[in-house]
C-alpha atoms as a PDB file:
ATOM      1  CA  MET A   1      27.308  51.657-154.810  1.00  0.00           C
ATOM      2  CA  ARG A   2      24.834  54.126-153.319  1.00  0.00           C
ATOM      3  CA  LEU A   3      22.959  56.596-155.550  1.00  0.00           C
ATOM      4  CA  ILE A   4      23.536  60.167-154.305  1.00  0.00           C
ATOM      5  CA  ALA A   5      21.700  62.259-156.890  1.00  0.00           C
ATOM      6  CA  SER A   6      20.223  62.138-160.374  1.00  0.00           C
ATOM      7  CA  ALA A   7      19.257  64.704-162.964  1.00  0.00           C
ATOM      8  CA  SER A   8      17.944  64.875-166.487  1.00  0.00           C
ATOM      9  CA  VAL A   9      18.524  67.628-169.018  1.00  0.00           C
ATOM     10  CA  THR A  10      16.219  68.322-171.968  1.00  0.00           C
ATOM     11  CA  SER A  11      16.744  70.808-174.760  1.00  0.00           C
ATOM     12  CA  THR A  12      14.294  73.600-175.545  1.00  0.00           C
ATOM     13  CA  PRO A  13      13.680  75.353-178.857  1.00  0.00           C
ATOM     14  CA  PHE A  14      15.862  78.252-177.673  1.00  0.00           C
ATOM     15  CA  ASN A  15      19.483  77.706-178.751  1.00  0.00           C
ATOM     16  CA  TYR A  16      21.436  76.735-175.589  1.00  0.00           C
ATOM     17  CA  THR A  17      18.573  76.892-173.064  1.00  0.00           C
ATOM     18  CA  HIS A  18      17.948  73.532-171.398  1.00  0.00           C
ATOM     19  CA  ARG A  19      15.527  72.292-168.761  1.00  0.00           C
ATOM     20  CA  VAL A  20      17.200  70.542-165.846  1.00  0.00           C
ATOM     21  CA  GLU A  21      15.092  68.275-163.646  1.00  0.00           C
ATOM     22  CA  THR A  22      16.535  67.096-160.342  1.00  0.00           C
ATOM     23  CA  ALA A  23      15.095  66.155-156.961  1.00  0.00           C
ATOM     24  CA  GLY A  24      11.617  67.273-158.038  1.00  0.00           C
ATOM     25  CA  PHE A  25      12.780  70.722-159.119  1.00  0.00           C
ATOM     26  CA  GLU A  26      12.894  72.193-162.617  1.00  0.00           C
ATOM     27  CA  LEU A  27      15.705  74.604-163.359  1.00  0.00           C
ATOM     28  CA  LEU A  28      16.955  76.285-166.510  1.00  0.00           C
ATOM     29  CA  SER A  29      20.517  76.385-167.736  1.00  0.00           C
ATOM     30  CA  ASP A  30      21.766  78.557-170.550  1.00  0.00           C
ATOM     31  CA  GLU A  31      24.726  80.555-171.762  1.00  0.00           C
ATOM     32  CA  PRO A  32      25.038  84.336-171.732  1.00  0.00           C
ATOM     33  CA  PRO A  33      24.360  86.255-174.963  1.00  0.00           C
ATOM     34  CA  SER A  34      28.125  86.702-175.445  1.00  0.00           C
ATOM     35  CA  SER A  35      28.305  82.917-175.934  1.00  0.00           C
ATOM     36  CA  GLY A  36      25.213  82.701-178.138  1.00  0.00           C
ATOM     37  CA  GLY A  37      22.704  81.925-175.373  1.00  0.00           C
ATOM     38  CA  GLN A  38      19.553  83.649-174.211  1.00  0.00           C
ATOM     39  CA  ASN A  39      20.717  84.148-170.590  1.00  0.00           C
ATOM     40  CA  ALA A  40      17.565  82.284-169.477  1.00  0.00           C
ATOM     41  CA  GLY A  41      19.351  80.664-166.546  1.00  0.00           C
ATOM     42  CA  PRO A  42      22.756  80.098-164.975  1.00  0.00           C
ATOM     43  CA  ALA A  43      25.482  78.550-167.099  1.00  0.00           C
ATOM     44  CA  PRO A  44      26.781  75.069-166.153  1.00  0.00           C
ATOM     45  CA  TYR A  45      29.860  76.410-164.316  1.00  0.00           C
ATOM     46  CA  ASP A  46      27.563  78.728-162.342  1.00  0.00           C
ATOM     47  CA  TYR A  47      25.678  75.655-161.128  1.00  0.00           C
ATOM     48  CA  LEU A  48      28.977  73.961-160.251  1.00  0.00           C
ATOM     49  CA  LEU A  49      29.991  76.897-158.035  1.00  0.00           C
ATOM     50  CA  ALA A  50      26.474  77.121-156.564  1.00  0.00           C
ATOM     51  CA  SER A  51      26.636  73.435-155.680  1.00  0.00           C
ATOM     52  CA  LEU A  52      30.013  73.793-154.011  1.00  0.00           C
ATOM     53  CA  GLY A  53      28.952  76.915-152.115  1.00  0.00           C
ATOM     54  CA  ALA A  54      25.661  75.444-150.940  1.00  0.00           C
ATOM     55  CA  CYS A  55      27.308  72.206-149.821  1.00  0.00           C
ATOM     56  CA  THR A  56      29.967  74.167-147.948  1.00  0.00           C
ATOM     57  CA  ALA A  57      27.363  76.322-146.169  1.00  0.00           C
ATOM     58  CA  ILE A  58      25.191  73.334-145.250  1.00  0.00           C
ATOM     59  CA  THR A  59      28.186  71.340-143.988  1.00  0.00           C
ATOM     60  CA  LEU A  60      29.414  74.269-141.860  1.00  0.00           C
ATOM     61  CA  ARG A  61      25.942  74.865-140.444  1.00  0.00           C
ATOM     62  CA  MET A  62      25.589  71.180-139.492  1.00  0.00           C
ATOM     63  CA  TYR A  63      29.006  71.165-137.849  1.00  0.00           C
ATOM     64  CA  ALA A  64      28.310  74.380-135.935  1.00  0.00           C
ATOM     65  CA  GLU A  65      24.974  73.011-134.695  1.00  0.00           C
ATOM     66  CA  LYS A  66      26.693  69.871-133.373  1.00  0.00           C
ATOM     67  CA  LYS A  67      29.249  72.049-131.564  1.00  0.00           C
ATOM     68  CA  GLY A  68      26.612  74.445-130.243  1.00  0.00           C
ATOM     69  CA  TRP A  69      28.277  77.366-132.041  1.00  0.00           C
ATOM     70  CA  HIS A  70      26.293  80.330-133.306  1.00  0.00           C
ATOM     71  CA  ILE A  71      27.817  81.106-136.694  1.00  0.00           C
ATOM     72  CA  GLY A  72      25.276  83.702-137.790  1.00  0.00           C
ATOM     73  CA  GLU A  73      24.654  84.456-141.431  1.00  0.00           C
ATOM     74  CA  LEU A  74      27.181  82.651-143.606  1.00  0.00           C
ATOM     75  CA  GLN A  75      28.297  84.001-146.932  1.00  0.00           C
ATOM     76  CA  ILE A  76      30.329  81.882-149.336  1.00  0.00           C
ATOM     77  CA  SER A  77      31.818  83.631-152.374  1.00  0.00           C
ATOM     78  CA  LEU A  78      33.311  81.547-155.164  1.00  0.00           C
ATOM     79  CA  THR A  79      35.116  82.129-158.436  1.00  0.00           C
ATOM     80  CA  LEU A  80      36.337  79.679-161.051  1.00  0.00           C
ATOM     81  CA  SER A  81      39.255  80.506-163.323  1.00  0.00           C
ATOM     82  CA  LYS A  82      41.293  78.508-165.802  1.00  0.00           C
ATOM     83  CA  ASP A  83      44.942  78.962-166.657  1.00  0.00           C
ATOM     84  CA  GLN A  84      46.432  78.738-170.174  1.00  0.00           C
ATOM     85  CA  GLU A  85      46.773  74.953-169.871  1.00  0.00           C
ATOM     86  CA  GLY A  86      43.076  74.628-168.994  1.00  0.00           C
ATOM     87  CA  ARG A  87      43.609  73.752-165.325  1.00  0.00           C
ATOM     88  CA  ALA A  88      40.726  74.965-163.199  1.00  0.00           C
ATOM     89  CA  TRP A  89      41.143  76.965-160.005  1.00  0.00           C
ATOM     90  CA  ILE A  90      38.303  77.601-157.601  1.00  0.00           C
ATOM     91  CA  GLU A  91      38.680  80.268-154.954  1.00  0.00           C
ATOM     92  CA  ARG A  92      36.244  80.050-152.026  1.00  0.00           C
ATOM     93  CA  SER A  93      35.905  82.756-149.384  1.00  0.00           C
ATOM     94  CA  ILE A  94      33.797  82.301-146.257  1.00  0.00           C
ATOM     95  CA  SER A  95      32.477  85.055-144.011  1.00  0.00           C
ATOM     96  CA  THR A  96      29.921  85.386-141.231  1.00  0.00           C
ATOM     97  CA  ASP A  97      28.479  88.153-139.125  1.00  0.00           C
ATOM     98  CA  ALA A  98      29.109  86.127-135.945  1.00  0.00           C
ATOM     99  CA  LEU A  99      32.078  86.777-133.692  1.00  0.00           C
ATOM    100  CA  LEU A 100      34.199  83.637-133.913  1.00  0.00           C
ATOM    101  CA  ASP A 101      37.625  83.118-132.409  1.00  0.00           C
ATOM    102  CA  ASP A 102      40.691  81.972-134.359  1.00  0.00           C
ATOM    103  CA  THR A 103      40.277  78.373-133.193  1.00  0.00           C
ATOM    104  CA  GLN A 104      36.680  78.245-134.416  1.00  0.00           C
ATOM    105  CA  TRP A 105      37.676  79.761-137.764  1.00  0.00           C
ATOM    106  CA  ALA A 106      40.526  77.272-138.194  1.00  0.00           C
ATOM    107  CA  ARG A 107      38.150  74.382-137.572  1.00  0.00           C
ATOM    108  CA  LEU A 108      35.451  75.751-139.886  1.00  0.00           C
ATOM    109  CA  LEU A 109      38.001  76.127-142.697  1.00  0.00           C
ATOM    110  CA  GLU A 110      39.115  72.521-142.121  1.00  0.00           C
ATOM    111  CA  ILE A 111      35.504  71.335-142.228  1.00  0.00           C
ATOM    112  CA  ALA A 112      34.846  73.316-145.437  1.00  0.00           C
ATOM    113  CA  ASP A 113      37.604  71.311-147.103  1.00  0.00           C
ATOM    114  CA  LYS A 114      35.824  68.114-146.031  1.00  0.00           C
ATOM    115  CA  SER A 115      32.375  68.957-147.407  1.00  0.00           C
ATOM    116  CA  PRO A 116      31.048  66.248-149.753  1.00  0.00           C
ATOM    117  CA  VAL A 117      31.104  68.317-152.955  1.00  0.00           C
ATOM    118  CA  THR A 118      34.591  69.626-152.145  1.00  0.00           C
ATOM    119  CA  ARG A 119      35.841  66.080-151.701  1.00  0.00           C
ATOM    120  CA  THR A 120      34.208  64.941-154.943  1.00  0.00           C
ATOM    121  CA  LEU A 121      35.794  67.788-156.891  1.00  0.00           C
ATOM    122  CA  LEU A 122      39.220  67.224-155.344  1.00  0.00           C
ATOM    123  CA  LYS A 123      39.154  63.453-155.910  1.00  0.00           C
ATOM    124  CA  GLY A 124      37.502  63.658-159.312  1.00  0.00           C
ATOM    125  CA  ALA A 125      34.710  61.423-160.513  1.00  0.00           C
ATOM    126  CA  ASN A 126      34.637  58.628-163.054  1.00  0.00           C
ATOM    127  CA  ILE A 127      32.259  59.519-165.846  1.00  0.00           C
ATOM    128  CA  SER A 128      30.862  56.956-168.278  1.00  0.00           C
ATOM    129  CA  THR A 129      28.795  57.963-171.278  1.00  0.00           C
ATOM    130  CA  SER A 130      26.503  55.676-173.246  1.00  0.00           C
ATOM    131  CA  ARG A 131      23.791  55.892-175.820  1.00  0.00           C
ATOM    132  CA  ALA A 132      20.290  55.575-174.360  1.00  0.00           C
ATOM    133  CA  ALA A 133      17.819  53.197-175.949  1.00  0.00           C
ATOM    134  CA  PRO A 134      15.395  54.956-178.326  1.00  0.00           C
ATOM    135  CA  GLU A 135      12.106  55.861-176.618  1.00  0.00           C
ATOM    136  CA  ASN A 136       9.800  55.420-179.636  1.00  0.00           C
ATOM    137  CA  VAL A 137      10.515  51.939-180.964  1.00  0.00           C
END
């Protein structure tokens, strides 16, 4: 098995605000005030959509470069909704300021569905949870 990414999350003294460390970056995650948070950073689902959108944009840019296509400034808009049974629905919309023909658009939409984060979300991921060994023993 090949490691793709890792992250650690540490609480702060501020209710739901947490420090996220990944790939040498420190981010904050929180909940909005309506959920009891301080709004000090994006909520976890915001990061999920940001991850999907960024992966889609990067994948499309790489594909376009290989094809020699100028795809201009990409914009990926995403929303996540849940139905009454709790099933999640993500809507992704892609636009660009470049003039692309229907064949190019069809191929870009196919490639978007093959981006790594898209595939992970569609296939699901096995998650195991364990108790870490105490640090101060």
